[in-house]
């Protein structure tokens, strides 16, 4: 009760729904909120980025919510070499970015998972439930797809990233840069995706099964989401009702 009272003392203009969204909402509710015009209103951003999938480099937008609860989605500088620089910290709680078609793998990279953890680590406490990374891409058949990553267990995610990089980056030491780590991890994951194509969704779910995160897929009209799970090796969608 004291925590709730302190929240409204710190945010005198907020109402109960603001508190619920910040601390109690489920991942499905959080993703639905992203579509609401009064919230993040990401549908126009996704549509715009879908129109840039044929461009050779990644495009994207940061997702921002300031301490007054005001949402925005500023453009990111166009990336190079199939990579894009995303801002993290404070008001930045997520991002939307493209994987160009053809050329890039139509699924999240290891760097994307790492960046998801960075968003959670560095954003405002009131933004923690909002943390998300969204991917706009085309599958192997040229069909537009939109995916999202949400965190279920932040401690598990952090530990898994540390364990994964420690076991898979040769000669890892205090002088190894983040760029060297993510580059090596992306290289290995890209190879895995190509070995198991076209089952990118199943490959991701299997590879990151113990990372404390969940994979979601938007419908074609960008109105609802499905959580994707592996059941007996088959990808199964669970509707967000």
C-alpha atoms as a PDB file:
ATOM      1  CA  UNK A   1       0.000   0.000   0.000  1.00  0.00           C
ATOM      2  CA  UNK A   2       2.843   2.399   0.833  1.00  0.00           C
ATOM      3  CA  UNK A   3       4.329   1.765  -2.612  1.00  0.00           C
ATOM      4  CA  UNK A   4       1.030   2.687  -4.296  1.00  0.00           C
ATOM      5  CA  UNK A   5       0.666   5.839  -2.230  1.00  0.00           C
ATOM      6  CA  UNK A   6       4.245   6.846  -3.047  1.00  0.00           C
ATOM      7  CA  UNK A   7       3.574   6.299  -6.754  1.00  0.00           C
ATOM      8  CA  UNK A   8       0.670   8.735  -6.781  1.00  0.00           C
ATOM      9  CA  UNK A   9       2.643  11.179  -4.647  1.00  0.00           C
ATOM     10  CA  UNK A  10       5.432  11.096  -7.227  1.00  0.00           C
ATOM     11  CA  UNK A  11       2.928  11.241 -10.141  1.00  0.00           C
ATOM     12  CA  UNK A  12       0.032  13.427  -8.945  1.00  0.00           C
ATOM     13  CA  UNK A  13      -1.602  13.666 -12.382  1.00  0.00           C
ATOM     14  CA  UNK A  14      -1.716   9.877 -12.925  1.00  0.00           C
ATOM     15  CA  UNK A  15      -4.808   7.711 -12.473  1.00  0.00           C
ATOM     16  CA  UNK A  16      -5.218   4.061 -11.458  1.00  0.00           C
ATOM     17  CA  UNK A  17      -4.899   2.845 -15.077  1.00  0.00           C
ATOM     18  CA  UNK A  18      -1.441   4.448 -15.263  1.00  0.00           C
ATOM     19  CA  UNK A  19      -0.338   2.518 -12.170  1.00  0.00           C
ATOM     20  CA  UNK A  20      -1.852  -0.706 -13.516  1.00  0.00           C
ATOM     21  CA  UNK A  21      -0.083  -0.308 -16.872  1.00  0.00           C
ATOM     22  CA  UNK A  22       3.230   0.460 -15.148  1.00  0.00           C
ATOM     23  CA  UNK A  23       3.262  -2.441 -12.679  1.00  0.00           C
ATOM     24  CA  UNK A  24       0.406  -4.944 -13.122  1.00  0.00           C
ATOM     25  CA  UNK A  25      -0.342  -5.372 -16.832  1.00  0.00           C
ATOM     26  CA  UNK A  26       0.351  -8.717 -18.542  1.00  0.00           C
ATOM     27  CA  UNK A  27       2.657  -8.850 -21.590  1.00  0.00           C
ATOM     28  CA  UNK A  28      -0.383  -9.250 -23.857  1.00  0.00           C
ATOM     29  CA  UNK A  29      -2.015  -6.178 -22.313  1.00  0.00           C
ATOM     30  CA  UNK A  30       1.229  -4.258 -22.698  1.00  0.00           C
ATOM     31  CA  UNK A  31       1.447  -5.165 -26.396  1.00  0.00           C
ATOM     32  CA  UNK A  32      -2.185  -4.164 -26.962  1.00  0.00           C
ATOM     33  CA  UNK A  33      -1.452  -0.817 -25.315  1.00  0.00           C
ATOM     34  CA  UNK A  34       1.214  -0.171 -27.948  1.00  0.00           C
ATOM     35  CA  UNK A  35      -1.519   0.099 -30.587  1.00  0.00           C
ATOM     36  CA  UNK A  36      -3.686   2.572 -28.648  1.00  0.00           C
ATOM     37  CA  UNK A  37      -3.597   6.162 -30.005  1.00  0.00           C
ATOM     38  CA  UNK A  38      -3.497   7.471 -26.434  1.00  0.00           C
ATOM     39  CA  UNK A  39      -0.486   5.270 -25.685  1.00  0.00           C
ATOM     40  CA  UNK A  40       2.467   4.453 -27.972  1.00  0.00           C
ATOM     41  CA  UNK A  41       0.344   4.340 -31.174  1.00  0.00           C
ATOM     42  CA  UNK A  42       2.919   2.220 -33.003  1.00  0.00           C
ATOM     43  CA  UNK A  43       0.793   1.078 -35.954  1.00  0.00           C
ATOM     44  CA  UNK A  44       1.733   4.089 -38.160  1.00  0.00           C
ATOM     45  CA  UNK A  45       5.405   3.546 -37.274  1.00  0.00           C
ATOM     46  CA  UNK A  46       5.243  -0.131 -38.241  1.00  0.00           C
ATOM     47  CA  UNK A  47       3.461   0.690 -41.501  1.00  0.00           C
ATOM     48  CA  UNK A  48       6.097   3.286 -42.348  1.00  0.00           C
ATOM     49  CA  UNK A  49       8.919   0.839 -41.669  1.00  0.00           C
ATOM     50  CA  UNK A  50       7.228  -1.854 -43.760  1.00  0.00           C
ATOM     51  CA  UNK A  51       7.603   0.534 -46.689  1.00  0.00           C
ATOM     52  CA  UNK A  52      11.366   0.612 -46.133  1.00  0.00           C
ATOM     53  CA  UNK A  53      12.046  -3.128 -46.108  1.00  0.00           C
ATOM     54  CA  UNK A  54      13.529  -3.040 -49.601  1.00  0.00           C
ATOM     55  CA  UNK A  55      16.160  -0.497 -48.537  1.00  0.00           C
ATOM     56  CA  UNK A  56      19.627  -2.061 -48.105  1.00  0.00           C
ATOM     57  CA  UNK A  57      20.162  -0.989 -44.491  1.00  0.00           C
ATOM     58  CA  UNK A  58      18.154  -1.201 -41.301  1.00  0.00           C
ATOM     59  CA  UNK A  59      15.668   1.536 -40.423  1.00  0.00           C
ATOM     60  CA  UNK A  60      14.019   2.044 -37.085  1.00  0.00           C
ATOM     61  CA  UNK A  61      12.435   4.083 -34.347  1.00  0.00           C
ATOM     62  CA  UNK A  62      13.136   4.365 -30.656  1.00  0.00           C
ATOM     63  CA  UNK A  63      10.187   3.990 -28.301  1.00  0.00           C
ATOM     64  CA  UNK A  64      10.099   6.709 -25.654  1.00  0.00           C
ATOM     65  CA  UNK A  65       7.964   7.416 -22.584  1.00  0.00           C
ATOM     66  CA  UNK A  66       8.999  10.392 -20.479  1.00  0.00           C
ATOM     67  CA  UNK A  67       8.389  10.805 -16.753  1.00  0.00           C
ATOM     68  CA  UNK A  68       5.057  12.478 -17.464  1.00  0.00           C
ATOM     69  CA  UNK A  69       3.863   9.363 -19.284  1.00  0.00           C
ATOM     70  CA  UNK A  70       4.029  10.998 -22.720  1.00  0.00           C
ATOM     71  CA  UNK A  71       4.858   8.570 -25.548  1.00  0.00           C
ATOM     72  CA  UNK A  72       6.834   9.262 -28.727  1.00  0.00           C
ATOM     73  CA  UNK A  73       8.693   7.267 -31.386  1.00  0.00           C
ATOM     74  CA  UNK A  74      11.556   9.291 -32.895  1.00  0.00           C
ATOM     75  CA  UNK A  75      13.364   8.034 -35.988  1.00  0.00           C
ATOM     76  CA  UNK A  76      16.738   6.356 -35.616  1.00  0.00           C
ATOM     77  CA  UNK A  77      19.633   7.173 -37.962  1.00  0.00           C
ATOM     78  CA  UNK A  78      19.693   4.728 -40.873  1.00  0.00           C
ATOM     79  CA  UNK A  79      21.959   1.812 -40.039  1.00  0.00           C
ATOM     80  CA  UNK A  80      24.950   0.415 -41.896  1.00  0.00           C
ATOM     81  CA  UNK A  81      26.085  -3.147 -42.627  1.00  0.00           C
ATOM     82  CA  UNK A  82      22.689  -4.552 -41.551  1.00  0.00           C
ATOM     83  CA  UNK A  83      23.021  -2.966 -38.121  1.00  0.00           C
ATOM     84  CA  UNK A  84      21.390   0.033 -36.472  1.00  0.00           C
ATOM     85  CA  UNK A  85      22.370   2.027 -33.389  1.00  0.00           C
ATOM     86  CA  UNK A  86      19.574   2.145 -30.826  1.00  0.00           C
ATOM     87  CA  UNK A  87      19.474   4.500 -27.856  1.00  0.00           C
ATOM     88  CA  UNK A  88      18.898   3.054 -24.377  1.00  0.00           C
ATOM     89  CA  UNK A  89      18.494   4.568 -20.914  1.00  0.00           C
ATOM     90  CA  UNK A  90      15.994   6.692 -18.977  1.00  0.00           C
ATOM     91  CA  UNK A  91      12.982   7.467 -21.202  1.00  0.00           C
ATOM     92  CA  UNK A  92      13.933   4.888 -23.879  1.00  0.00           C
ATOM     93  CA  UNK A  93      11.983   1.690 -23.235  1.00  0.00           C
ATOM     94  CA  UNK A  94      12.178  -0.045 -26.603  1.00  0.00           C
ATOM     95  CA  UNK A  95      12.577   0.090 -30.355  1.00  0.00           C
ATOM     96  CA  UNK A  96      11.116  -0.929 -33.681  1.00  0.00           C
ATOM     97  CA  UNK A  97      13.546  -1.798 -36.470  1.00  0.00           C
ATOM     98  CA  UNK A  98      13.664  -3.524 -39.827  1.00  0.00           C
ATOM     99  CA  UNK A  99      15.608  -6.447 -41.181  1.00  0.00           C
ATOM    100  CA  UNK A 100      15.956  -5.643 -44.909  1.00  0.00           C
ATOM    101  CA  UNK A 101      14.493  -7.943 -47.536  1.00  0.00           C
ATOM    102  CA  UNK A 102      16.144  -9.687 -49.188  1.00  0.00           C
ATOM    103  CA  UNK A 103      19.399 -10.108 -47.312  1.00  0.00           C
ATOM    104  CA  UNK A 104      18.768 -10.153 -43.579  1.00  0.00           C
ATOM    105  CA  UNK A 105      17.410 -13.006 -41.487  1.00  0.00           C
ATOM    106  CA  UNK A 106      13.681 -12.431 -40.775  1.00  0.00           C
ATOM    107  CA  UNK A 107      13.989 -13.026 -37.048  1.00  0.00           C
ATOM    108  CA  UNK A 108      15.563 -11.413 -33.982  1.00  0.00           C
ATOM    109  CA  UNK A 109      19.347 -11.423 -33.659  1.00  0.00           C
ATOM    110  CA  UNK A 110      21.367 -12.135 -30.523  1.00  0.00           C
ATOM    111  CA  UNK A 111      22.085  -8.396 -30.377  1.00  0.00           C
ATOM    112  CA  UNK A 112      18.335  -7.747 -30.285  1.00  0.00           C
ATOM    113  CA  UNK A 113      17.997  -9.985 -27.219  1.00  0.00           C
ATOM    114  CA  UNK A 114      20.990  -8.277 -25.603  1.00  0.00           C
ATOM    115  CA  UNK A 115      19.473  -4.855 -26.318  1.00  0.00           C
ATOM    116  CA  UNK A 116      16.167  -5.938 -24.770  1.00  0.00           C
ATOM    117  CA  UNK A 117      18.030  -6.574 -21.527  1.00  0.00           C
ATOM    118  CA  UNK A 118      19.766  -3.193 -21.806  1.00  0.00           C
ATOM    119  CA  UNK A 119      16.425  -1.438 -22.152  1.00  0.00           C
ATOM    120  CA  UNK A 120      15.195  -3.109 -18.969  1.00  0.00           C
ATOM    121  CA  UNK A 121      18.417  -2.392 -17.111  1.00  0.00           C
ATOM    122  CA  UNK A 122      18.599   1.294 -17.983  1.00  0.00           C
ATOM    123  CA  UNK A 123      15.063   2.673 -18.348  1.00  0.00           C
ATOM    124  CA  UNK A 124      12.956   4.426 -15.703  1.00  0.00           C
ATOM    125  CA  UNK A 125      11.329   2.101 -13.163  1.00  0.00           C
ATOM    126  CA  UNK A 126       7.895   3.216 -14.355  1.00  0.00           C
ATOM    127  CA  UNK A 127       8.824   2.029 -17.888  1.00  0.00           C
ATOM    128  CA  UNK A 128       9.929  -1.505 -16.977  1.00  0.00           C
ATOM    129  CA  UNK A 129       6.634  -3.140 -17.952  1.00  0.00           C
ATOM    130  CA  UNK A 130       6.732  -1.317 -21.287  1.00  0.00           C
ATOM    131  CA  UNK A 131      10.111  -2.700 -22.350  1.00  0.00           C
ATOM    132  CA  UNK A 132       9.874  -4.272 -25.797  1.00  0.00           C
ATOM    133  CA  UNK A 133      11.749  -4.792 -29.047  1.00  0.00           C
ATOM    134  CA  UNK A 134       9.744  -5.046 -32.264  1.00  0.00           C
ATOM    135  CA  UNK A 135      11.019  -6.435 -35.570  1.00  0.00           C
ATOM    136  CA  UNK A 136       9.531  -5.579 -38.963  1.00  0.00           C
ATOM    137  CA  UNK A 137      10.590  -7.946 -41.750  1.00  0.00           C
ATOM    138  CA  UNK A 138       9.512 -10.190 -44.621  1.00  0.00           C
ATOM    139  CA  UNK A 139       9.671 -13.961 -44.430  1.00  0.00           C
ATOM    140  CA  UNK A 140      11.240 -16.196 -47.092  1.00  0.00           C
ATOM    141  CA  UNK A 141       8.074 -15.880 -49.191  1.00  0.00           C
ATOM    142  CA  UNK A 142       8.172 -12.087 -49.134  1.00  0.00           C
ATOM    143  CA  UNK A 143       5.236 -11.809 -46.685  1.00  0.00           C
ATOM    144  CA  UNK A 144       5.421  -8.931 -44.192  1.00  0.00           C
ATOM    145  CA  UNK A 145       5.814 -10.034 -40.569  1.00  0.00           C
ATOM    146  CA  UNK A 146       5.929  -8.160 -37.283  1.00  0.00           C
ATOM    147  CA  UNK A 147       7.399  -9.756 -34.164  1.00  0.00           C
ATOM    148  CA  UNK A 148       7.863  -8.551 -30.586  1.00  0.00           C
ATOM    149  CA  UNK A 149       9.983  -9.653 -27.640  1.00  0.00           C
ATOM    150  CA  UNK A 150       8.822  -9.230 -24.042  1.00  0.00           C
ATOM    151  CA  UNK A 151      10.605 -10.079 -20.791  1.00  0.00           C
ATOM    152  CA  UNK A 152       9.053 -12.617 -18.424  1.00  0.00           C
ATOM    153  CA  UNK A 153      11.966 -12.960 -16.006  1.00  0.00           C
ATOM    154  CA  UNK A 154      14.593 -10.176 -16.089  1.00  0.00           C
ATOM    155  CA  UNK A 155      17.020 -11.974 -13.769  1.00  0.00           C
ATOM    156  CA  UNK A 156      16.903 -15.108 -15.910  1.00  0.00           C
ATOM    157  CA  UNK A 157      17.517 -13.000 -19.020  1.00  0.00           C
ATOM    158  CA  UNK A 158      20.570 -11.308 -17.528  1.00  0.00           C
ATOM    159  CA  UNK A 159      22.075 -14.581 -16.281  1.00  0.00           C
ATOM    160  CA  UNK A 160      21.429 -16.311 -19.610  1.00  0.00           C
ATOM    161  CA  UNK A 161      23.153 -13.552 -21.586  1.00  0.00           C
ATOM    162  CA  UNK A 162      26.220 -13.714 -19.320  1.00  0.00           C
ATOM    163  CA  UNK A 163      26.337 -17.510 -19.475  1.00  0.00           C
ATOM    164  CA  UNK A 164      25.762 -17.611 -23.237  1.00  0.00           C
ATOM    165  CA  UNK A 165      28.482 -15.112 -24.096  1.00  0.00           C
ATOM    166  CA  UNK A 166      30.950 -16.651 -21.622  1.00  0.00           C
ATOM    167  CA  UNK A 167      30.545 -20.074 -23.218  1.00  0.00           C
ATOM    168  CA  UNK A 168      30.515 -18.981 -26.854  1.00  0.00           C
ATOM    169  CA  UNK A 169      33.002 -16.125 -27.254  1.00  0.00           C
ATOM    170  CA  UNK A 170      36.594 -17.409 -27.491  1.00  0.00           C
ATOM    171  CA  UNK A 171      39.193 -15.708 -25.292  1.00  0.00           C
ATOM    172  CA  UNK A 172      36.593 -13.547 -23.540  1.00  0.00           C
ATOM    173  CA  UNK A 173      38.269 -11.204 -21.067  1.00  0.00           C
ATOM    174  CA  UNK A 174      37.954  -7.746 -19.520  1.00  0.00           C
ATOM    175  CA  UNK A 175      39.285  -6.152 -22.703  1.00  0.00           C
ATOM    176  CA  UNK A 176      36.659  -7.753 -24.956  1.00  0.00           C
ATOM    177  CA  UNK A 177      34.256  -5.084 -26.230  1.00  0.00           C
ATOM    178  CA  UNK A 178      30.484  -5.368 -26.371  1.00  0.00           C
ATOM    179  CA  UNK A 179      30.738  -5.044 -30.160  1.00  0.00           C
ATOM    180  CA  UNK A 180      33.080  -8.042 -30.318  1.00  0.00           C
ATOM    181  CA  UNK A 181      30.736 -10.117 -28.174  1.00  0.00           C
ATOM    182  CA  UNK A 182      27.558  -9.270 -30.102  1.00  0.00           C
ATOM    183  CA  UNK A 183      29.285  -9.710 -33.452  1.00  0.00           C
ATOM    184  CA  UNK A 184      30.475 -13.217 -32.576  1.00  0.00           C
ATOM    185  CA  UNK A 185      27.115 -14.214 -31.087  1.00  0.00           C
ATOM    186  CA  UNK A 186      25.186 -12.832 -34.079  1.00  0.00           C
ATOM    187  CA  UNK A 187      27.459 -14.742 -36.431  1.00  0.00           C
ATOM    188  CA  UNK A 188      26.739 -18.040 -34.695  1.00  0.00           C
ATOM    189  CA  UNK A 189      22.992 -17.432 -34.525  1.00  0.00           C
ATOM    190  CA  UNK A 190      22.808 -16.417 -38.191  1.00  0.00           C
ATOM    191  CA  UNK A 191      24.515 -19.677 -39.145  1.00  0.00           C
ATOM    192  CA  UNK A 192      21.984 -21.586 -37.033  1.00  0.00           C
ATOM    193  CA  UNK A 193      19.073 -19.805 -38.719  1.00  0.00           C
ATOM    194  CA  UNK A 194      20.381 -20.724 -42.170  1.00  0.00           C
ATOM    195  CA  UNK A 195      20.970 -24.322 -41.155  1.00  0.00           C
ATOM    196  CA  UNK A 196      17.358 -24.630 -40.007  1.00  0.00           C
ATOM    197  CA  UNK A 197      15.609 -22.363 -42.537  1.00  0.00           C
ATOM    198  CA  UNK A 198      12.795 -21.644 -43.089  1.00  0.00           C
ATOM    199  CA  UNK A 199      11.813 -22.467 -39.482  1.00  0.00           C
ATOM    200  CA  UNK A 200      13.134 -19.211 -37.988  1.00  0.00           C
ATOM    201  CA  UNK A 201      10.380 -18.950 -35.365  1.00  0.00           C
ATOM    202  CA  UNK A 202      10.994 -22.464 -34.045  1.00  0.00           C
ATOM    203  CA  UNK A 203      14.751 -21.963 -34.120  1.00  0.00           C
ATOM    204  CA  UNK A 204      14.474 -18.779 -32.059  1.00  0.00           C
ATOM    205  CA  UNK A 205      12.117 -20.360 -29.531  1.00  0.00           C
ATOM    206  CA  UNK A 206      14.420 -23.349 -29.095  1.00  0.00           C
ATOM    207  CA  UNK A 207      17.618 -21.290 -28.932  1.00  0.00           C
ATOM    208  CA  UNK A 208      16.271 -18.840 -26.351  1.00  0.00           C
ATOM    209  CA  UNK A 209      14.013 -21.211 -24.411  1.00  0.00           C
ATOM    210  CA  UNK A 210      15.793 -20.524 -21.120  1.00  0.00           C
ATOM    211  CA  UNK A 211      16.259 -16.759 -21.444  1.00  0.00           C
ATOM    212  CA  UNK A 212      13.124 -15.639 -19.600  1.00  0.00           C
ATOM    213  CA  UNK A 213      11.628 -13.977 -22.674  1.00  0.00           C
ATOM    214  CA  UNK A 214       8.611 -14.563 -24.925  1.00  0.00           C
ATOM    215  CA  UNK A 215       8.134 -14.183 -28.677  1.00  0.00           C
ATOM    216  CA  UNK A 216       4.970 -12.597 -30.079  1.00  0.00           C
ATOM    217  CA  UNK A 217       3.686 -12.201 -33.631  1.00  0.00           C
ATOM    218  CA  UNK A 218       1.266  -9.546 -34.855  1.00  0.00           C
ATOM    219  CA  UNK A 219      -1.631 -10.285 -37.169  1.00  0.00           C
ATOM    220  CA  UNK A 220      -1.621  -8.920 -40.719  1.00  0.00           C
ATOM    221  CA  UNK A 221      -3.876  -5.971 -39.806  1.00  0.00           C
ATOM    222  CA  UNK A 222      -1.722  -4.997 -36.798  1.00  0.00           C
ATOM    223  CA  UNK A 223      -4.648  -5.213 -34.390  1.00  0.00           C
ATOM    224  CA  UNK A 224      -3.837  -8.265 -32.235  1.00  0.00           C
ATOM    225  CA  UNK A 225      -0.883 -10.391 -31.101  1.00  0.00           C
ATOM    226  CA  UNK A 226      -0.218 -14.102 -30.693  1.00  0.00           C
ATOM    227  CA  UNK A 227       2.321 -15.535 -28.297  1.00  0.00           C
ATOM    228  CA  UNK A 228       4.391 -18.197 -30.060  1.00  0.00           C
ATOM    229  CA  UNK A 229       5.364 -21.333 -28.166  1.00  0.00           C
ATOM    230  CA  UNK A 230       6.984 -24.649 -29.064  1.00  0.00           C
ATOM    231  CA  UNK A 231       4.811 -27.708 -28.525  1.00  0.00           C
ATOM    232  CA  UNK A 232       6.383 -31.032 -29.482  1.00  0.00           C
ATOM    233  CA  UNK A 233       8.714 -29.176 -31.813  1.00  0.00           C
ATOM    234  CA  UNK A 234       5.860 -27.354 -33.576  1.00  0.00           C
ATOM    235  CA  UNK A 235       5.323 -23.583 -33.323  1.00  0.00           C
ATOM    236  CA  UNK A 236       1.890 -22.921 -31.833  1.00  0.00           C
ATOM    237  CA  UNK A 237       0.229 -19.477 -31.629  1.00  0.00           C
ATOM    238  CA  UNK A 238      -1.605 -18.557 -28.434  1.00  0.00           C
ATOM    239  CA  UNK A 239      -3.965 -15.593 -29.042  1.00  0.00           C
ATOM    240  CA  UNK A 240      -3.668 -12.551 -26.803  1.00  0.00           C
ATOM    241  CA  UNK A 241      -7.297 -12.200 -25.724  1.00  0.00           C
END
